[in-house]
Amino acid sequence: MRFEEALNGYIHQIGITAKDLADASGLSTAVISRYRSGERTPAPDCEPLLNLSKGLARLAQRKGMDGFTQPELLSALQKSLRYDEKEGNRLAVNFDLLINVLNLRSSDMARALNFDPSYLSRIRTGQRTPANSAAFAQGVGNFAARRCAEPSERAALAHLMGVQQGALSEDGACACEVAKWLLSGAASQKNPIISFLEKLDNFDLNDYIRAIRFDELKVPTVPFQLPTTRTCYGLENFRQATLDFLKATALSRSREPVFICSDMPIEELAQDMEFSKKWMLGLAAILKKGLRLDMVHDLNRPFGEMMLGLESWIPLYMTGQIMPWYLPGRQNAVYGHLLFCSGAVAVEGECISGNFAHGRYLFSKSGSDLAYYRRRAEAILKKAQPLMDIYCGTAENVYGSFLAAEALKPGKRRSLLTTLPPHTLSEECLSRLLEKNGVPDSDGRRMLEACAQ
């Protein structure tokens, strides 16, 4: 029995609706709907599946029905996922996680293993199973051990597999541990892509605006004093320098764009929730002021860390004032750098990889320093490439041209959609939805024409 069949069977036996289950489990009705249709299935050890079993057990108890305990429900749902019954499925899941979390290049791995890149891609998606899974896993383990030799990379690998970092100190032992985990291990961390998509599913921009009171946010104009230049050391002083940078930028009269570039780790900063909240409010104040922000992302971060950063930036990208960039190629893995620069203030920092808390940071409002750091920011942007194209209402024609041109390009595409696209609705159904929600006739006609196209 497949997962969606088992879930729908329990819903029918207990006599509940999807809305009842969503309320009892804490999951959204959209997620429940996708689980029921088979469009999405949870991982066997993930939190949503645990919450689902708790919700079913809770509703059965309310109706006085026996035989629906939470452990039994969880076990049955996990069994329906059939992860343990298919070696290829487990290998595909772990292989995909390994590549994503460690930011490995499939093309490099294909050359090292003497495989075609498309073959590796089919193994990642579960479309193919290697003829000799053990030999394949050992080859991948050897490649991962050679490529991920830095302490930070070994630490990420140990965290992924749920082993002590000391067990991976030798290349041979590391390769064997990776091979064993690929074939039979369970990831000790949640798939960051699934986590990202779930947060995207539940994200509501209007709720976010109300939560941080962005619609009520006032950019203050009262002057305040900050030292012209200061040098600081350590994590706490860096946090304060960062907040002072945001405050000085928001309160200054300058309308120059803001530049942010950092390849330093963000996990240590994210652990301080109070700092994270002030950081996001400071950025919101800068955007409320109407300043453009050039953000250079580091794509060489551990995958989970990169997804954490994107989750934080989603609401801000929706303002259309941020241009995301990235530097192509693999950057230096020994030194960490950061540069924040605006028309009023700059912060520069450096550290050795893995020693973020022992870094040195310079906060400056000096005119000569600002001119130097502005030139440096411009030089970095010349070497950067756009991470994504963001289209606002004023760029509607440009966006339409992009869609038309992209549709004609040959090649395979892989899309991860959080819901069905509007063009899967019938024209009659879509028209009723637009009318019910008060969409103006002119906008409605354009939407219908776009879906028909």
Protein backbone atom coordinates (compact mmCIF):
# COMPACT_ATOMS: atom_id res chain seq x y z
CA MET A 1 0.00 0.00 0.00
CA ARG A 2 1.34 3.41 -0.99
CA PHE A 3 1.61 6.29 1.47
CA GLU A 4 -1.29 8.29 0.02
CA GLU A 5 -3.50 5.18 0.11
CA ALA A 6 -2.65 4.51 3.74
CA LEU A 7 -3.28 8.13 4.73
CA ASN A 8 -6.60 8.35 2.88
CA GLY A 9 -7.61 5.02 4.44
CA TYR A 10 -7.06 6.36 7.96
CA ILE A 11 -8.93 9.57 7.16
CA HIS A 12 -11.89 7.51 5.87
CA GLN A 13 -11.85 5.05 8.81
CA ILE A 14 -11.72 7.76 11.47
CA GLY A 15 -14.30 9.84 9.59
CA ILE A 16 -12.49 13.17 9.45
CA THR A 17 -11.78 15.88 6.89
CA ALA A 18 -8.46 17.23 5.64
CA LYS A 19 -9.23 20.43 7.56
CA ASP A 20 -9.67 18.43 10.79
CA LEU A 21 -6.33 16.70 10.24
CA ALA A 22 -4.57 19.97 9.39
CA ASP A 23 -5.81 21.57 12.63
CA ALA A 24 -4.88 18.56 14.76
CA SER A 25 -1.42 18.03 13.25
CA GLY A 26 -0.34 21.65 12.81
CA LEU A 27 0.29 21.12 9.08
CA SER A 28 -1.27 23.31 6.41
CA THR A 29 -4.27 22.08 4.41
CA ALA A 30 -2.17 22.49 1.26
CA VAL A 31 0.44 20.03 2.58
CA ILE A 32 -2.27 17.56 3.65
CA SER A 33 -3.81 17.82 0.17
CA ARG A 34 -0.48 17.05 -1.52
CA TYR A 35 0.10 14.09 0.79
CA ARG A 36 -3.37 12.72 -0.04
CA SER A 37 -2.90 13.10 -3.79
CA GLY A 38 0.57 11.54 -3.75
CA GLU A 39 2.08 14.73 -5.16
CA ARG A 40 4.40 14.84 -2.15
CA THR A 41 5.56 12.25 0.38
CA PRO A 42 7.39 13.00 3.64
CA ALA A 43 10.69 11.48 4.68
CA PRO A 44 10.19 8.53 7.08
CA ASP A 45 12.01 10.25 9.96
CA CYS A 46 10.82 13.83 9.48
CA GLU A 47 8.83 15.97 11.91
CA PRO A 48 5.76 16.46 9.62
CA LEU A 49 5.20 12.67 9.51
CA LEU A 50 5.44 12.52 13.32
CA ASN A 51 2.93 15.38 13.62
CA LEU A 52 0.66 13.64 11.13
CA SER A 53 0.56 10.46 13.21
CA LYS A 54 -0.08 12.49 16.37
CA GLY A 55 -2.95 14.33 14.67
CA LEU A 56 -4.59 11.07 13.49
CA ALA A 57 -4.26 9.53 16.96
CA ARG A 58 -5.67 12.66 18.62
CA LEU A 59 -8.73 12.73 16.34
CA ALA A 60 -9.36 9.00 16.78
CA GLN A 61 -9.22 9.43 20.56
CA ARG A 62 -11.76 12.28 20.41
CA LYS A 63 -14.14 9.97 18.57
CA GLY A 64 -13.58 7.18 21.11
CA MET A 65 -12.03 4.82 18.55
CA ASP A 66 -9.55 2.15 19.68
CA GLY A 67 -6.65 0.71 17.70
CA PHE A 68 -5.26 4.03 16.47
CA THR A 69 -2.32 4.71 18.79
CA GLN A 70 0.32 7.19 17.68
CA PRO A 71 3.26 4.72 17.60
CA GLU A 72 1.24 2.22 15.53
CA LEU A 73 0.09 4.91 13.12
CA LEU A 74 3.63 6.24 12.71
CA SER A 75 5.03 2.75 12.09
CA ALA A 76 2.37 1.98 9.48
CA LEU A 77 2.90 5.27 7.64
CA GLN A 78 6.68 4.78 7.65
CA LYS A 79 6.24 1.28 6.27
CA SER A 80 4.01 2.59 3.47
CA LEU A 81 6.84 4.88 2.36
CA ARG A 82 8.85 1.72 1.55
CA TYR A 83 12.20 3.40 2.14
CA ASP A 84 13.66 0.35 3.83
CA GLU A 85 12.41 -1.99 1.11
CA LYS A 86 14.32 -0.34 -1.70
CA GLU A 87 18.09 -0.13 -1.50
CA GLY A 88 18.14 2.09 -4.58
CA ASN A 89 15.73 4.55 -3.01
CA ARG A 90 17.88 4.93 0.12
CA LEU A 91 21.00 5.29 -2.04
CA ALA A 92 19.32 7.95 -4.19
CA VAL A 93 18.12 9.97 -1.17
CA ASN A 94 21.52 9.90 0.56
CA PHE A 95 23.47 10.50 -2.65
CA ASP A 96 21.39 13.60 -3.39
CA LEU A 97 21.83 14.86 0.19
CA LEU A 98 25.59 14.31 0.06
CA ILE A 99 25.97 16.36 -3.12
CA ASN A 100 23.73 19.17 -1.86
CA VAL A 101 25.04 19.49 1.69
CA LEU A 102 28.74 19.35 0.70
CA ASN A 103 28.24 21.40 -2.46
CA LEU A 104 29.96 18.75 -4.61
CA ARG A 105 30.13 19.19 -8.38
CA SER A 106 28.48 16.33 -10.26
CA SER A 107 30.68 16.96 -13.30
CA ASP A 108 33.88 16.52 -11.24
CA MET A 109 32.51 13.36 -9.64
CA ALA A 110 31.50 11.95 -13.02
CA ARG A 111 35.07 12.37 -14.33
CA ALA A 112 36.56 10.82 -11.18
CA LEU A 113 34.24 7.79 -11.32
CA ASN A 114 34.36 7.50 -15.12
CA PHE A 115 30.58 7.90 -15.44
CA ASP A 116 28.43 10.06 -17.67
CA PRO A 117 27.04 13.08 -15.72
CA SER A 118 23.51 12.27 -16.88
CA TYR A 119 23.84 8.78 -15.36
CA LEU A 120 24.72 10.29 -11.96
CA SER A 121 21.77 12.64 -12.32
CA ARG A 122 19.41 9.69 -12.84
CA ILE A 123 20.84 7.95 -9.77
CA ARG A 124 20.22 11.11 -7.70
CA THR A 125 16.56 11.21 -8.73
CA GLY A 126 16.04 7.46 -8.23
CA GLN A 127 15.48 6.76 -11.93
CA ARG A 128 18.47 4.41 -12.08
CA THR A 129 20.15 2.05 -9.62
CA PRO A 130 23.87 1.19 -10.06
CA ALA A 131 24.55 -2.38 -11.19
CA ASN A 132 26.98 -2.74 -8.27
CA SER A 133 25.71 -0.46 -5.51
CA ALA A 134 28.54 -1.31 -3.11
CA ALA A 135 31.25 -0.46 -5.66
CA PHE A 136 29.45 2.74 -6.62
CA ALA A 137 29.10 3.81 -2.96
CA GLN A 138 32.79 3.13 -2.33
CA GLY A 139 33.76 5.21 -5.37
CA VAL A 140 31.63 8.11 -4.16
CA GLY A 141 33.14 7.72 -0.68
CA ASN A 142 36.68 7.92 -2.09
CA PHE A 143 35.77 11.05 -4.07
CA ALA A 144 34.11 12.74 -1.05
CA ALA A 145 37.11 11.97 1.19
CA ARG A 146 39.55 13.51 -1.31
CA ARG A 147 37.43 16.54 -2.12
CA CYS A 148 36.29 17.37 1.44
CA ALA A 149 39.60 17.47 3.28
CA GLU A 150 39.10 20.74 5.22
CA PRO A 151 38.11 20.42 8.93
CA SER A 152 34.91 22.41 8.33
CA GLU A 153 33.94 20.08 5.47
CA ARG A 154 34.66 16.96 7.54
CA ALA A 155 32.57 18.47 10.34
CA ALA A 156 29.64 18.98 7.95
CA LEU A 157 30.03 15.41 6.71
CA ALA A 158 30.10 14.03 10.26
CA HIS A 159 26.97 16.03 11.13
CA LEU A 160 25.17 14.71 8.05
CA MET A 161 25.95 11.06 8.83
CA GLY A 162 25.56 11.36 12.61
CA VAL A 163 29.10 10.19 13.49
CA GLN A 164 31.97 11.69 15.48
CA GLN A 165 34.30 13.88 13.44
CA GLY A 166 37.26 11.87 14.71
CA ALA A 167 35.95 8.82 12.84
CA LEU A 168 36.57 10.69 9.56
CA SER A 169 40.08 11.96 10.27
CA GLU A 170 41.78 9.44 7.96
CA ASP A 171 40.85 9.49 4.27
CA GLY A 172 40.42 5.72 4.09
CA ALA A 173 38.16 5.56 7.12
CA CYS A 174 36.21 8.57 5.86
CA ALA A 175 35.62 6.91 2.47
CA CYS A 176 34.40 3.69 4.10
CA GLU A 177 32.04 5.56 6.45
CA VAL A 178 30.54 7.51 3.53
CA ALA A 179 30.06 4.30 1.50
CA LYS A 180 28.36 2.54 4.42
CA TRP A 181 26.10 5.53 5.07
CA LEU A 182 25.11 5.88 1.40
CA LEU A 183 23.77 2.32 1.33
CA SER A 184 22.05 2.06 4.69
CA GLY A 185 22.35 5.21 6.78
CA ALA A 186 19.66 7.70 7.71
CA ALA A 187 20.46 11.40 7.52
CA SER A 188 20.82 12.93 10.97
CA GLN A 189 19.55 16.26 9.67
CA LYS A 190 16.41 17.16 7.80
CA ASN A 191 16.69 17.63 4.05
CA PRO A 192 17.23 21.41 3.78
CA ILE A 193 15.36 21.57 0.45
CA ILE A 194 12.25 20.02 2.02
CA SER A 195 12.53 22.41 4.97
CA PHE A 196 12.93 25.36 2.58
CA LEU A 197 9.91 24.36 0.48
CA GLU A 198 7.76 23.83 3.56
CA LYS A 199 8.61 27.30 4.84
CA LEU A 200 7.93 28.71 1.38
CA ASP A 201 4.59 26.89 1.37
CA ASN A 202 3.53 28.48 4.65
CA PHE A 203 5.03 31.92 4.01
CA ASP A 204 2.56 34.79 3.79
CA LEU A 205 4.03 38.19 2.93
CA ASN A 206 1.13 40.09 4.52
CA ASP A 207 1.59 38.17 7.79
CA TYR A 208 5.32 38.91 7.69
CA ILE A 209 4.72 42.63 7.10
CA ARG A 210 2.36 42.74 10.06
CA ALA A 211 4.69 40.68 12.25
CA ILE A 212 7.64 43.06 11.87
CA ARG A 213 5.29 46.07 11.51
CA PHE A 214 6.92 46.98 8.21
CA ASP A 215 3.77 48.85 7.17
CA GLU A 216 4.09 51.01 10.31
CA LEU A 217 7.88 51.29 10.24
CA LYS A 218 9.17 54.86 10.41
CA VAL A 219 12.73 55.69 9.46
CA PRO A 220 13.91 58.02 12.26
CA THR A 221 15.74 61.25 11.49
CA VAL A 222 17.02 62.09 14.97
CA PRO A 223 20.82 62.37 14.81
CA PHE A 224 22.98 60.20 17.04
CA GLN A 225 26.68 59.92 17.63
CA LEU A 226 28.91 57.03 16.60
CA PRO A 227 32.70 57.02 16.61
CA THR A 228 34.23 57.85 13.22
CA THR A 229 36.48 54.79 13.25
CA ARG A 230 36.93 51.86 15.60
CA THR A 231 38.53 48.44 15.47
CA CYS A 232 36.88 45.55 17.31
CA TYR A 233 37.50 41.88 17.95
CA GLY A 234 35.24 38.93 18.69
CA LEU A 235 31.68 37.91 17.87
CA GLU A 236 29.81 40.23 20.25
CA ASN A 237 31.68 43.31 19.03
CA PHE A 238 31.04 42.26 15.43
CA ARG A 239 27.30 41.98 16.11
CA GLN A 240 27.30 45.50 17.55
CA ALA A 241 29.31 46.89 14.62
CA THR A 242 26.82 45.30 12.20
CA LEU A 243 23.82 46.84 13.97
CA ASP A 244 25.60 50.23 14.10
CA PHE A 245 26.18 49.94 10.33
CA LEU A 246 22.47 49.40 9.70
CA LYS A 247 21.49 52.23 12.06
CA ALA A 248 23.96 54.72 10.56
CA THR A 249 22.85 53.82 7.02
CA ALA A 250 19.15 54.17 7.81
CA LEU A 251 19.60 57.54 9.56
CA SER A 252 22.02 59.11 7.07
CA ARG A 253 21.01 61.48 4.28
CA SER A 254 22.89 59.45 1.70
CA ARG A 255 20.88 57.77 -1.08
CA GLU A 256 23.78 55.67 -2.33
CA PRO A 257 23.18 51.93 -2.81
CA VAL A 258 24.15 49.56 0.01
CA PHE A 259 26.65 46.77 -0.64
CA ILE A 260 26.89 43.55 1.44
CA CYS A 261 29.33 40.73 0.77
CA SER A 262 30.45 38.03 3.20
CA ASP A 263 31.78 34.49 3.03
CA MET A 264 31.93 34.15 6.83
CA PRO A 265 29.73 31.48 8.48
CA ILE A 266 26.25 32.59 9.51
CA GLU A 267 25.24 29.72 11.81
CA GLU A 268 26.93 31.30 14.86
CA LEU A 269 25.13 34.59 14.20
CA ALA A 270 21.78 32.87 13.63
CA GLN A 271 21.94 31.26 17.08
CA ASP A 272 21.36 34.69 18.66
CA MET A 273 17.66 35.23 17.90
CA GLU A 274 17.67 38.77 19.30
CA PHE A 275 20.48 39.79 16.95
CA SER A 276 18.74 38.10 13.99
CA LYS A 277 15.56 40.05 14.74
CA LYS A 278 17.42 43.37 14.95
CA TRP A 279 19.37 42.53 11.76
CA MET A 280 16.15 41.92 9.79
CA LEU A 281 14.52 45.07 11.20
CA GLY A 282 17.61 47.10 10.27
CA LEU A 283 17.50 45.80 6.70
CA ALA A 284 13.77 46.55 6.60
CA ALA A 285 14.47 50.14 7.66
CA ILE A 286 17.04 50.53 4.87
CA LEU A 287 14.56 49.20 2.30
CA LYS A 288 11.77 51.36 3.73
CA LYS A 289 14.06 54.33 3.14
CA GLY A 290 14.10 53.29 -0.55
CA LEU A 291 17.76 52.32 -0.86
CA ARG A 292 18.91 49.70 -3.37
CA LEU A 293 20.84 46.78 -1.88
CA ASP A 294 23.49 44.78 -3.77
CA MET A 295 23.89 41.46 -1.95
CA VAL A 296 26.74 39.13 -2.96
CA HIS A 297 25.91 35.59 -1.77
CA ASP A 298 28.53 32.95 -1.09
CA LEU A 299 27.49 29.76 -2.90
CA ASN A 300 30.39 27.78 -1.43
CA ARG A 301 28.75 27.63 1.98
CA PRO A 302 27.51 24.29 3.34
CA PHE A 303 24.17 23.65 1.67
CA GLY A 304 22.13 23.77 4.87
CA GLU A 305 23.67 27.11 5.79
CA MET A 306 22.91 28.52 2.35
CA MET A 307 19.26 27.43 2.56
CA LEU A 308 19.01 29.04 6.02
CA GLY A 309 20.21 32.31 4.52
CA LEU A 310 17.75 32.14 1.62
CA GLU A 311 14.85 31.53 4.01
CA SER A 312 15.75 34.77 5.81
CA TRP A 313 16.05 36.76 2.59
CA ILE A 314 12.82 35.65 0.84
CA PRO A 315 10.61 38.41 2.36
CA LEU A 316 13.18 41.11 1.57
CA TYR A 317 13.56 40.00 -2.06
CA MET A 318 9.84 40.55 -2.49
CA THR A 319 10.39 44.29 -2.14
CA GLY A 320 12.18 44.32 -5.51
CA GLN A 321 14.94 46.58 -4.10
CA ILE A 322 17.57 43.86 -3.66
CA MET A 323 19.85 42.64 -6.44
CA PRO A 324 21.40 39.26 -5.55
CA TRP A 325 24.84 38.39 -6.94
CA TYR A 326 27.39 35.59 -6.60
CA LEU A 327 31.07 35.14 -7.43
CA PRO A 328 31.60 32.22 -9.85
CA GLY A 329 34.13 29.50 -9.10
CA ARG A 330 35.35 28.14 -5.80
CA GLN A 331 36.75 30.84 -3.53
CA ASN A 332 39.57 30.61 -1.00
CA ALA A 333 38.62 28.16 1.78
CA VAL A 334 41.21 29.39 4.32
CA TYR A 335 40.38 33.08 4.82
CA GLY A 336 36.98 34.59 5.57
CA HIS A 337 36.10 38.15 4.50
CA LEU A 338 33.21 40.56 4.74
CA LEU A 339 32.51 44.05 3.43
CA PHE A 340 29.43 46.14 4.25
CA CYS A 341 29.41 49.54 2.57
CA SER A 342 26.90 52.39 2.20
CA GLY A 343 27.13 56.12 1.57
CA ALA A 344 27.56 56.78 5.29
CA VAL A 345 29.53 53.93 6.84
CA ALA A 346 31.53 50.79 6.09
CA VAL A 347 32.43 47.62 8.00
CA GLU A 348 35.28 45.39 6.90
CA GLY A 349 36.27 42.11 8.58
CA GLU A 350 38.52 39.10 8.24
CA CYS A 351 39.10 35.79 10.01
CA ILE A 352 40.56 32.35 9.48
CA SER A 353 37.96 29.79 8.41
CA GLY A 354 36.47 28.13 11.45
CA ASN A 355 37.54 31.00 13.75
CA PHE A 356 34.79 33.53 13.10
CA ALA A 357 34.60 34.53 16.77
CA HIS A 358 38.30 35.48 16.76
CA GLY A 359 38.07 37.78 13.75
CA ARG A 360 39.08 41.43 13.46
CA TYR A 361 36.56 44.05 12.27
CA LEU A 362 36.90 47.71 11.27
CA PHE A 363 33.97 50.13 11.57
CA SER A 364 34.56 53.42 9.74
CA LYS A 365 32.74 56.62 8.76
CA SER A 366 35.89 58.28 7.43
CA GLY A 367 35.48 59.86 3.98
CA SER A 368 38.72 58.40 2.64
CA ASP A 369 37.81 54.93 3.94
CA LEU A 370 34.32 55.14 2.40
CA ALA A 371 35.77 56.12 -0.99
CA TYR A 372 38.20 53.17 -0.83
CA TYR A 373 35.56 50.64 0.17
CA ARG A 374 33.10 51.96 -2.45
CA ARG A 375 35.72 51.38 -5.18
CA ARG A 376 36.36 47.92 -3.75
CA ALA A 377 32.64 47.10 -3.77
CA GLU A 378 32.34 48.24 -7.38
CA ALA A 379 35.31 46.05 -8.34
CA ILE A 380 33.67 43.01 -6.68
CA LEU A 381 30.38 43.66 -8.51
CA LYS A 382 32.23 43.73 -11.85
CA LYS A 383 33.45 40.18 -11.15
CA ALA A 384 30.06 38.97 -9.84
CA GLN A 385 27.18 37.47 -11.79
CA PRO A 386 23.44 37.81 -11.06
CA LEU A 387 22.18 35.03 -8.81
CA MET A 388 18.61 35.51 -10.03
CA ASP A 389 16.59 37.96 -12.08
CA ILE A 390 13.90 39.79 -10.12
CA TYR A 391 11.06 41.34 -12.13
CA CYS A 392 8.88 44.09 -10.67
CA GLY A 393 5.66 45.51 -12.06
CA THR A 394 7.58 48.05 -14.15
CA ALA A 395 9.45 45.22 -15.94
CA GLU A 396 6.36 43.31 -17.09
CA ASN A 397 7.30 43.41 -20.79
CA VAL A 398 10.87 42.27 -20.04
CA TYR A 399 9.52 39.36 -17.99
CA GLY A 400 7.12 38.39 -20.78
CA SER A 401 10.00 38.39 -23.27
CA PHE A 402 12.07 36.20 -20.93
CA LEU A 403 9.25 33.64 -20.62
CA ALA A 404 8.70 33.54 -24.38
CA ALA A 405 12.40 33.10 -25.13
CA GLU A 406 12.92 30.51 -22.39
CA ALA A 407 10.02 28.39 -23.66
CA LEU A 408 11.77 27.97 -27.02
CA LYS A 409 15.11 26.80 -25.61
CA PRO A 410 15.73 23.07 -26.11
CA GLY A 411 16.72 20.84 -23.21
CA LYS A 412 15.34 19.13 -20.13
CA ARG A 413 14.00 21.06 -17.17
CA ARG A 414 13.39 20.07 -13.57
CA SER A 415 10.90 22.19 -11.62
CA LEU A 416 10.16 22.02 -7.90
CA LEU A 417 6.66 23.47 -7.49
CA THR A 418 5.00 24.05 -4.13
CA THR A 419 1.53 23.99 -5.73
CA LEU A 420 -0.10 23.40 -9.09
CA PRO A 421 0.39 26.30 -11.53
CA PRO A 422 -2.72 28.36 -12.47
CA HIS A 423 -2.78 27.11 -16.08
CA THR A 424 -3.80 23.64 -14.84
CA LEU A 425 -7.21 25.11 -13.94
CA SER A 426 -9.97 25.26 -16.51
CA GLU A 427 -10.74 28.73 -17.88
CA GLU A 428 -14.21 28.58 -16.31
CA CYS A 429 -12.84 27.70 -12.84
CA LEU A 430 -10.14 30.36 -13.01
CA SER A 431 -12.69 32.99 -14.08
CA ARG A 432 -14.90 32.14 -11.08
CA LEU A 433 -11.91 32.39 -8.72
CA LEU A 434 -10.90 35.79 -10.10
CA GLU A 435 -14.47 37.09 -9.80
CA LYS A 436 -14.88 35.70 -6.27
CA ASN A 437 -11.70 37.46 -5.11
CA GLY A 438 -12.60 40.81 -6.66
CA VAL A 439 -9.82 40.89 -9.26
CA PRO A 440 -10.40 43.84 -11.65
CA ASP A 441 -11.63 42.85 -15.12
CA SER A 442 -8.55 44.24 -16.87
CA ASP A 443 -6.18 42.20 -14.67
CA GLY A 444 -8.41 39.15 -14.97
CA ARG A 445 -8.32 39.24 -18.77
CA ARG A 446 -4.52 39.44 -18.75
CA MET A 447 -4.29 36.47 -16.37
CA LEU A 448 -6.61 34.39 -18.54
CA GLU A 449 -4.63 35.27 -21.67
CA ALA A 450 -1.34 34.34 -19.96
CA CYS A 451 -2.71 30.99 -18.76
CA ALA A 452 -4.09 30.22 -22.22
CA GLN A 453 -0.69 30.96 -23.75
